Amino acid sequence: MTKSNPTIQEKIEELDKLVAWFDGDDFQLEQATEKLKQAAKLANEIEKDLSEISNDVQQVKKSFASDK
């Protein structure tokens, strides 16, 4: 995928990097607020993407159930 439309996996990897930054040697308190905002945004996007996938799976299940 492109950077303008990253996959869920790419978002998770980016979130992991942000979380690791807080434990890393590069941690700077002055940057923490911005990094936290980025992490929260990514977490919300991931949650939304997973919810959409869950809804799609539920629709497919319903489709299979109604075919019986």
PDB file of N, CA and C in Angstrom:
ATOM      1  N   MET A   1       0.837  -1.188   0.000  1.00  0.00           N
ATOM      2  CA  MET A   1       0.000   0.000   0.000  1.00  0.00           C
ATOM      3  C   MET A   1       0.879   1.247   0.000  1.00  0.00           C
ATOM      4  N   THR A   2       0.276   2.331  -0.363  1.00  0.00           N
ATOM      5  CA  THR A   2       0.997   3.594  -0.380  1.00  0.00           C
ATOM      6  C   THR A   2       0.941   4.242   0.991  1.00  0.00           C
ATOM      7  N   LYS A   3       1.788   5.216   1.175  1.00  0.00           N
ATOM      8  CA  LYS A   3       1.796   5.928   2.455  1.00  0.00           C
ATOM      9  C   LYS A   3       0.486   6.660   2.699  1.00  0.00           C
ATOM     10  N   SER A   4      -0.203   7.086   1.611  1.00  0.00           N
ATOM     11  CA  SER A   4      -1.458   7.808   1.784  1.00  0.00           C
ATOM     12  C   SER A   4      -2.601   6.880   2.204  1.00  0.00           C
ATOM     13  N   ASN A   5      -2.413   5.586   2.013  1.00  0.00           N
ATOM     14  CA  ASN A   5      -3.443   4.625   2.388  1.00  0.00           C
ATOM     15  C   ASN A   5      -2.788   3.352   2.942  1.00  0.00           C
ATOM     16  N   PRO A   6      -2.182   3.461   4.132  1.00  0.00           N
ATOM     17  CA  PRO A   6      -1.466   2.303   4.686  1.00  0.00           C
ATOM     18  C   PRO A   6      -2.412   1.181   5.097  1.00  0.00           C
ATOM     19  N   THR A   7      -1.897  -0.032   5.059  1.00  0.00           N
ATOM     20  CA  THR A   7      -2.660  -1.192   5.494  1.00  0.00           C
ATOM     21  C   THR A   7      -2.760  -1.189   7.018  1.00  0.00           C
ATOM     22  N   ILE A   8      -3.617  -2.046   7.530  1.00  0.00           N
ATOM     23  CA  ILE A   8      -3.729  -2.184   8.983  1.00  0.00           C
ATOM     24  C   ILE A   8      -2.386  -2.628   9.561  1.00  0.00           C
ATOM     25  N   GLN A   9      -1.737  -3.568   8.881  1.00  0.00           N
ATOM     26  CA  GLN A   9      -0.441  -4.053   9.361  1.00  0.00           C
ATOM     27  C   GLN A   9       0.577  -2.927   9.421  1.00  0.00           C
ATOM     28  N   GLU A  10       0.603  -2.072   8.417  1.00  0.00           N
ATOM     29  CA  GLU A  10       1.535  -0.943   8.424  1.00  0.00           C
ATOM     30  C   GLU A  10       1.222   0.018   9.564  1.00  0.00           C
ATOM     31  N   LYS A  11      -0.054   0.232   9.823  1.00  0.00           N
ATOM     32  CA  LYS A  11      -0.455   1.105  10.932  1.00  0.00           C
ATOM     33  C   LYS A  11      -0.031   0.507  12.268  1.00  0.00           C
ATOM     34  N   ILE A  12      -0.204  -0.789  12.414  1.00  0.00           N
ATOM     35  CA  ILE A  12       0.199  -1.460  13.656  1.00  0.00           C
ATOM     36  C   ILE A  12       1.705  -1.366  13.848  1.00  0.00           C
ATOM     37  N   GLU A  13       2.457  -1.554  12.765  1.00  0.00           N
ATOM     38  CA  GLU A  13       3.912  -1.445  12.859  1.00  0.00           C
ATOM     39  C   GLU A  13       4.334  -0.031  13.252  1.00  0.00           C
ATOM     40  N   GLU A  14       3.680   0.962  12.692  1.00  0.00           N
ATOM     41  CA  GLU A  14       3.980   2.354  13.044  1.00  0.00           C
ATOM     42  C   GLU A  14       3.630   2.629  14.506  1.00  0.00           C
ATOM     43  N   LEU A  15       2.494   2.097  14.952  1.00  0.00           N
ATOM     44  CA  LEU A  15       2.100   2.257  16.349  1.00  0.00           C
ATOM     45  C   LEU A  15       3.122   1.594  17.272  1.00  0.00           C
ATOM     46  N   ASP A  16       3.582   0.405  16.891  1.00  0.00           N
ATOM     47  CA  ASP A  16       4.616  -0.274  17.681  1.00  0.00           C
ATOM     48  C   ASP A  16       5.879   0.572  17.800  1.00  0.00           C
ATOM     49  N   LYS A  17       6.262   1.221  16.698  1.00  0.00           N
ATOM     50  CA  LYS A  17       7.449   2.086  16.722  1.00  0.00           C
ATOM     51  C   LYS A  17       7.242   3.268  17.662  1.00  0.00           C
ATOM     52  N   LEU A  18       6.048   3.846  17.612  1.00  0.00           N
ATOM     53  CA  LEU A  18       5.760   4.980  18.495  1.00  0.00           C
ATOM     54  C   LEU A  18       5.795   4.554  19.959  1.00  0.00           C
ATOM     55  N   VAL A  19       5.210   3.416  20.256  1.00  0.00           N
ATOM     56  CA  VAL A  19       5.194   2.918  21.639  1.00  0.00           C
ATOM     57  C   VAL A  19       6.622   2.612  22.100  1.00  0.00           C
ATOM     58  N   ALA A  20       7.412   2.014  21.226  1.00  0.00           N
ATOM     59  CA  ALA A  20       8.797   1.692  21.579  1.00  0.00           C
ATOM     60  C   ALA A  20       9.613   2.961  21.831  1.00  0.00           C
ATOM     61  N   TRP A  21       9.272   4.034  21.131  1.00  0.00           N
ATOM     62  CA  TRP A  21       9.990   5.302  21.316  1.00  0.00           C
ATOM     63  C   TRP A  21       9.926   5.752  22.775  1.00  0.00           C
ATOM     64  N   PHE A  22       8.789   5.537  23.427  1.00  0.00           N
ATOM     65  CA  PHE A  22       8.626   5.960  24.820  1.00  0.00           C
ATOM     66  C   PHE A  22       9.587   5.232  25.758  1.00  0.00           C
ATOM     67  N   ASP A  23       9.974   4.012  25.390  1.00  0.00           N
ATOM     68  CA  ASP A  23      10.917   3.244  26.210  1.00  0.00           C
ATOM     69  C   ASP A  23      12.358   3.381  25.732  1.00  0.00           C
ATOM     70  N   GLY A  24      12.545   4.029  24.594  1.00  0.00           N
ATOM     71  CA  GLY A  24      13.869   4.096  23.981  1.00  0.00           C
ATOM     72  C   GLY A  24      14.742   5.211  24.510  1.00  0.00           C
ATOM     73  N   ASP A  25      15.960   5.210  24.016  1.00  0.00           N
ATOM     74  CA  ASP A  25      16.951   6.210  24.411  1.00  0.00           C
ATOM     75  C   ASP A  25      16.659   7.580  23.805  1.00  0.00           C
ATOM     76  N   ASP A  26      15.858   7.631  22.739  1.00  0.00           N
ATOM     77  CA  ASP A  26      15.549   8.893  22.067  1.00  0.00           C
ATOM     78  C   ASP A  26      14.420   9.662  22.735  1.00  0.00           C
ATOM     79  N   PHE A  27      13.844   9.102  23.778  1.00  0.00           N
ATOM     80  CA  PHE A  27      12.711   9.756  24.449  1.00  0.00           C
ATOM     81  C   PHE A  27      13.089  11.147  24.920  1.00  0.00           C
ATOM     82  N   GLN A  28      12.222  12.104  24.566  1.00  0.00           N
ATOM     83  CA  GLN A  28      12.369  13.474  25.053  1.00  0.00           C
ATOM     84  C   GLN A  28      10.990  13.946  25.482  1.00  0.00           C
ATOM     85  N   LEU A  29      10.903  14.414  26.684  1.00  0.00           N
ATOM     86  CA  LEU A  29       9.622  14.833  27.251  1.00  0.00           C
ATOM     87  C   LEU A  29       8.918  15.852  26.361  1.00  0.00           C
ATOM     88  N   GLU A  30       9.689  16.739  25.756  1.00  0.00           N
ATOM     89  CA  GLU A  30       9.107  17.782  24.909  1.00  0.00           C
ATOM     90  C   GLU A  30       8.373  17.202  23.693  1.00  0.00           C
ATOM     91  N   GLN A  31       8.784  16.036  23.233  1.00  0.00           N
ATOM     92  CA  GLN A  31       8.165  15.398  22.077  1.00  0.00           C
ATOM     93  C   GLN A  31       7.069  14.406  22.467  1.00  0.00           C
ATOM     94  N   ALA A  32       6.961  14.108  23.720  1.00  0.00           N
ATOM     95  CA  ALA A  32       6.052  13.056  24.176  1.00  0.00           C
ATOM     96  C   ALA A  32       4.599  13.344  23.833  1.00  0.00           C
ATOM     97  N   THR A  33       4.159  14.582  23.983  1.00  0.00           N
ATOM     98  CA  THR A  33       2.764  14.921  23.706  1.00  0.00           C
ATOM     99  C   THR A  33       2.424  14.658  22.249  1.00  0.00           C
ATOM    100  N   GLU A  34       3.306  15.097  21.351  1.00  0.00           N
ATOM    101  CA  GLU A  34       3.055  14.889  19.919  1.00  0.00           C
ATOM    102  C   GLU A  34       3.066  13.401  19.569  1.00  0.00           C
ATOM    103  N   LYS A  35       4.004  12.657  20.104  1.00  0.00           N
ATOM    104  CA  LYS A  35       4.073  11.216  19.851  1.00  0.00           C
ATOM    105  C   LYS A  35       2.832  10.517  20.394  1.00  0.00           C
ATOM    106  N   LEU A  36       2.369  10.950  21.553  1.00  0.00           N
ATOM    107  CA  LEU A  36       1.174  10.360  22.143  1.00  0.00           C
ATOM    108  C   LEU A  36      -0.051  10.638  21.268  1.00  0.00           C
ATOM    109  N   LYS A  37      -0.151  11.853  20.737  1.00  0.00           N
ATOM    110  CA  LYS A  37      -1.255  12.183  19.836  1.00  0.00           C
ATOM    111  C   LYS A  37      -1.207  11.333  18.573  1.00  0.00           C
ATOM    112  N   GLN A  38      -0.006  11.143  18.027  1.00  0.00           N
ATOM    113  CA  GLN A  38       0.143  10.298  16.841  1.00  0.00           C
ATOM    114  C   GLN A  38      -0.272   8.862  17.144  1.00  0.00           C
ATOM    115  N   ALA A  39       0.144   8.361  18.284  1.00  0.00           N
ATOM    116  CA  ALA A  39      -0.194   6.995  18.677  1.00  0.00           C
ATOM    117  C   ALA A  39      -1.704   6.835  18.866  1.00  0.00           C
ATOM    118  N   ALA A  40      -2.325   7.811  19.496  1.00  0.00           N
ATOM    119  CA  ALA A  40      -3.778   7.746  19.713  1.00  0.00           C
ATOM    120  C   ALA A  40      -4.521   7.777  18.382  1.00  0.00           C
ATOM    121  N   LYS A  41      -4.062   8.616  17.461  1.00  0.00           N
ATOM    122  CA  LYS A  41      -4.694   8.691  16.141  1.00  0.00           C
ATOM    123  C   LYS A  41      -4.573   7.355  15.414  1.00  0.00           C
ATOM    124  N   LEU A  42      -3.386   6.774  15.430  1.00  0.00           N
ATOM    125  CA  LEU A  42      -3.187   5.477  14.789  1.00  0.00           C
ATOM    126  C   LEU A  42      -4.051   4.399  15.435  1.00  0.00           C
ATOM    127  N   ALA A  43      -4.108   4.394  16.757  1.00  0.00           N
ATOM    128  CA  ALA A  43      -4.921   3.401  17.466  1.00  0.00           C
ATOM    129  C   ALA A  43      -6.386   3.531  17.075  1.00  0.00           C
ATOM    130  N   ASN A  44      -6.874   4.754  16.945  1.00  0.00           N
ATOM    131  CA  ASN A  44      -8.266   4.963  16.531  1.00  0.00           C
ATOM    132  C   ASN A  44      -8.498   4.491  15.106  1.00  0.00           C
ATOM    133  N   GLU A  45      -7.542   4.771  14.218  1.00  0.00           N
ATOM    134  CA  GLU A  45      -7.660   4.323  12.832  1.00  0.00           C
ATOM    135  C   GLU A  45      -7.666   2.796  12.751  1.00  0.00           C
ATOM    136  N   ILE A  46      -6.786   2.168  13.514  1.00  0.00           N
ATOM    137  CA  ILE A  46      -6.712   0.704  13.531  1.00  0.00           C
ATOM    138  C   ILE A  46      -8.024   0.125  14.046  1.00  0.00           C
ATOM    139  N   GLU A  47      -8.537   0.695  15.116  1.00  0.00           N
ATOM    140  CA  GLU A  47      -9.807   0.229  15.683  1.00  0.00           C
ATOM    141  C   GLU A  47     -10.935   0.362  14.656  1.00  0.00           C
ATOM    142  N   LYS A  48     -10.975   1.473  13.949  1.00  0.00           N
ATOM    143  CA  LYS A  48     -11.998   1.688  12.923  1.00  0.00           C
ATOM    144  C   LYS A  48     -11.852   0.670  11.793  1.00  0.00           C
ATOM    145  N   ASP A  49     -10.624   0.471  11.324  1.00  0.00           N
ATOM    146  CA  ASP A  49     -10.376  -0.494  10.251  1.00  0.00           C
ATOM    147  C   ASP A  49     -10.796  -1.899  10.668  1.00  0.00           C
ATOM    148  N   LEU A  50     -10.440  -2.290  11.884  1.00  0.00           N
ATOM    149  CA  LEU A  50     -10.803  -3.619  12.369  1.00  0.00           C
ATOM    150  C   LEU A  50     -12.310  -3.767  12.532  1.00  0.00           C
ATOM    151  N   SER A  51     -12.973  -2.715  12.937  1.00  0.00           N
ATOM    152  CA  SER A  51     -14.426  -2.737  13.068  1.00  0.00           C
ATOM    153  C   SER A  51     -15.078  -2.934  11.695  1.00  0.00           C
ATOM    154  N   GLU A  52     -14.540  -2.256  10.686  1.00  0.00           N
ATOM    155  CA  GLU A  52     -15.065  -2.408   9.332  1.00  0.00           C
ATOM    156  C   GLU A  52     -14.879  -3.838   8.833  1.00  0.00           C
ATOM    157  N   ILE A  53     -13.710  -4.404   9.111  1.00  0.00           N
ATOM    158  CA  ILE A  53     -13.461  -5.790   8.709  1.00  0.00           C
ATOM    159  C   ILE A  53     -14.412  -6.725   9.440  1.00  0.00           C
ATOM    160  N   SER A  54     -14.619  -6.479  10.716  1.00  0.00           N
ATOM    161  CA  SER A  54     -15.539  -7.295  11.501  1.00  0.00           C
ATOM    162  C   SER A  54     -16.947  -7.233  10.921  1.00  0.00           C
ATOM    163  N   ASN A  55     -17.375  -6.039  10.541  1.00  0.00           N
ATOM    164  CA  ASN A  55     -18.699  -5.892   9.926  1.00  0.00           C
ATOM    165  C   ASN A  55     -18.776  -6.656   8.611  1.00  0.00           C
ATOM    166  N   ASP A  56     -17.714  -6.594   7.811  1.00  0.00           N
ATOM    167  CA  ASP A  56     -17.681  -7.327   6.551  1.00  0.00           C
ATOM    168  C   ASP A  56     -17.788  -8.831   6.798  1.00  0.00           C
ATOM    169  N   VAL A  57     -17.065  -9.317   7.798  1.00  0.00           N
ATOM    170  CA  VAL A  57     -17.104 -10.743   8.130  1.00  0.00           C
ATOM    171  C   VAL A  57     -18.521 -11.139   8.569  1.00  0.00           C
ATOM    172  N   GLN A  58     -19.148 -10.307   9.373  1.00  0.00           N
ATOM    173  CA  GLN A  58     -20.509 -10.591   9.821  1.00  0.00           C
ATOM    174  C   GLN A  58     -21.468 -10.661   8.636  1.00  0.00           C
ATOM    175  N   GLN A  59     -21.301  -9.776   7.666  1.00  0.00           N
ATOM    176  CA  GLN A  59     -22.151  -9.783   6.479  1.00  0.00           C
ATOM    177  C   GLN A  59     -21.945 -11.058   5.670  1.00  0.00           C
ATOM    178  N   VAL A  60     -20.708 -11.492   5.543  1.00  0.00           N
ATOM    179  CA  VAL A  60     -20.424 -12.733   4.823  1.00  0.00           C
ATOM    180  C   VAL A  60     -21.041 -13.916   5.562  1.00  0.00           C
ATOM    181  N   LYS A  61     -20.913 -13.938   6.885  1.00  0.00           N
ATOM    182  CA  LYS A  61     -21.533 -15.015   7.680  1.00  0.00           C
ATOM    183  C   LYS A  61     -23.035 -15.047   7.469  1.00  0.00           C
ATOM    184  N   LYS A  62     -23.667 -13.886   7.493  1.00  0.00           N
ATOM    185  CA  LYS A  62     -25.118 -13.816   7.276  1.00  0.00           C
ATOM    186  C   LYS A  62     -25.475 -14.315   5.888  1.00  0.00           C
ATOM    187  N   SER A  63     -24.661 -13.964   4.921  1.00  0.00           N
ATOM    188  CA  SER A  63     -24.909 -14.391   3.548  1.00  0.00           C
ATOM    189  C   SER A  63     -24.855 -15.915   3.447  1.00  0.00           C
ATOM    190  N   PHE A  64     -23.854 -16.521   4.078  1.00  0.00           N
ATOM    191  CA  PHE A  64     -23.747 -17.973   4.062  1.00  0.00           C
ATOM    192  C   PHE A  64     -24.887 -18.626   4.822  1.00  0.00           C
ATOM    193  N   ALA A  65     -25.282 -18.033   5.917  1.00  0.00           N
ATOM    194  CA  ALA A  65     -26.379 -18.590   6.712  1.00  0.00           C
ATOM    195  C   ALA A  65     -27.695 -18.530   5.952  1.00  0.00           C
ATOM    196  N   SER A  66     -27.905 -17.468   5.191  1.00  0.00           N
ATOM    197  CA  SER A  66     -29.158 -17.349   4.457  1.00  0.00           C
ATOM    198  C   SER A  66     -29.184 -18.228   3.218  1.00  0.00           C
ATOM    199  N   ASP A  67     -28.026 -18.710   2.768  1.00  0.00           N
ATOM    200  CA  ASP A  67     -27.974 -19.602   1.618  1.00  0.00           C
ATOM    201  C   ASP A  67     -28.376 -21.032   1.960  1.00  0.00           C
ATOM    202  N   LYS A  68     -28.457 -21.348   3.222  1.00  0.00           N
ATOM    203  CA  LYS A  68     -28.776 -22.731   3.643  1.00  0.00           C
ATOM    204  C   LYS A  68     -30.245 -22.997   3.582  1.00  0.00           C
TER     205      LYS A  68
END
